[in-house]
């Protein structure tokens, strides 16, 4: 005998699943179309999450009002931003000035490699390969890097303006519910922990590379700080980025090993030992969920999307957990099937 109760239960689940798919599709399209304004806004919201505890500490420590505390924090951030952009401009200038030197070293390195391979009858045409190396679009690549830097500067100021308005404006009265409490706690814990561990990673990386006197050491430290916000892939990218400059600048195997190995060890220790102990099970996300969210938000918003992927996914999971009809999806995101 046909059981209508089972039919309606399956029908309800199919309906919920269909609605979720439609909502995801429409949201993705709108987020893609509005990414020019949404990325700075979302970044500023999460930045405000990080800065609010600092403002509260300044108010308690110096016994001043919120407006003055925000002003002091803005002065501090302007100082740090000035250091950041001076370092950035210095690194770009150093890269442009040394472009010919890097090209010569690269040509020499390729020539030595071809000579070595010729002993094994690898079949490489040395002169043809040298000609290809000379035709490498190094200066067009440098121009692309410069344009990216200029765009990043303009985006940074837009994020800073949004953040100041969010912090100085009237506080939004959020519902006093368990869901909002969990979102606030989880996102704040994640962002503050990531900020501290990323800062430690960036500082240690810059110090190590500066000790061995690598070109653009401070720049690589800043990139390690930023990229460390991207789970898994960020630390890998940050470790691999200095390798071309290391190979072009150094011929001493010990210096090469130190320049690549020690920053990699720092990334591994902080990312895989220290950070999980501090964060605990706060995220409650399966690694596959994290990777899929990185790909999804990376396709939508590029690198900024990858930076924001994890906290956004945490919020979505907590919201799904709060509704009985979508708890199955939340459990799936946590790996509880």
Foldseek 3Di string as FASTA:
>chain_A
DDDVVVVVVVVVLVVVVVVVVVVVVVVLVVCLVPVVPVLLLVLLVLVLLQCVVVLVCCCVVVVDDSVVSLVVVVVVVVVVVVVVVVLVVVLLVVCVVCVVLLLVLVLVVVLVVVVVVVVVVPPDDNVVVSVVSVPPPSVVVSVVVVVVVVVVVVSVVSSVVSNSCQSPDDDDDDDPDPLVVLLSVLSSLLSNLLQVLLLVLLVVQLVQCVVLPQRSSNVLSVQSSQLSLQPPVSLVCSLPVCLSSLSSPDPDPVSSCSNRPVSNVSCCCSRPPVSCVSNPCSQLFDPVLSVVLLVSLCVSNNPSRSSCSRSVVSSVLSVLCVDPSRVVVSCVRNVND
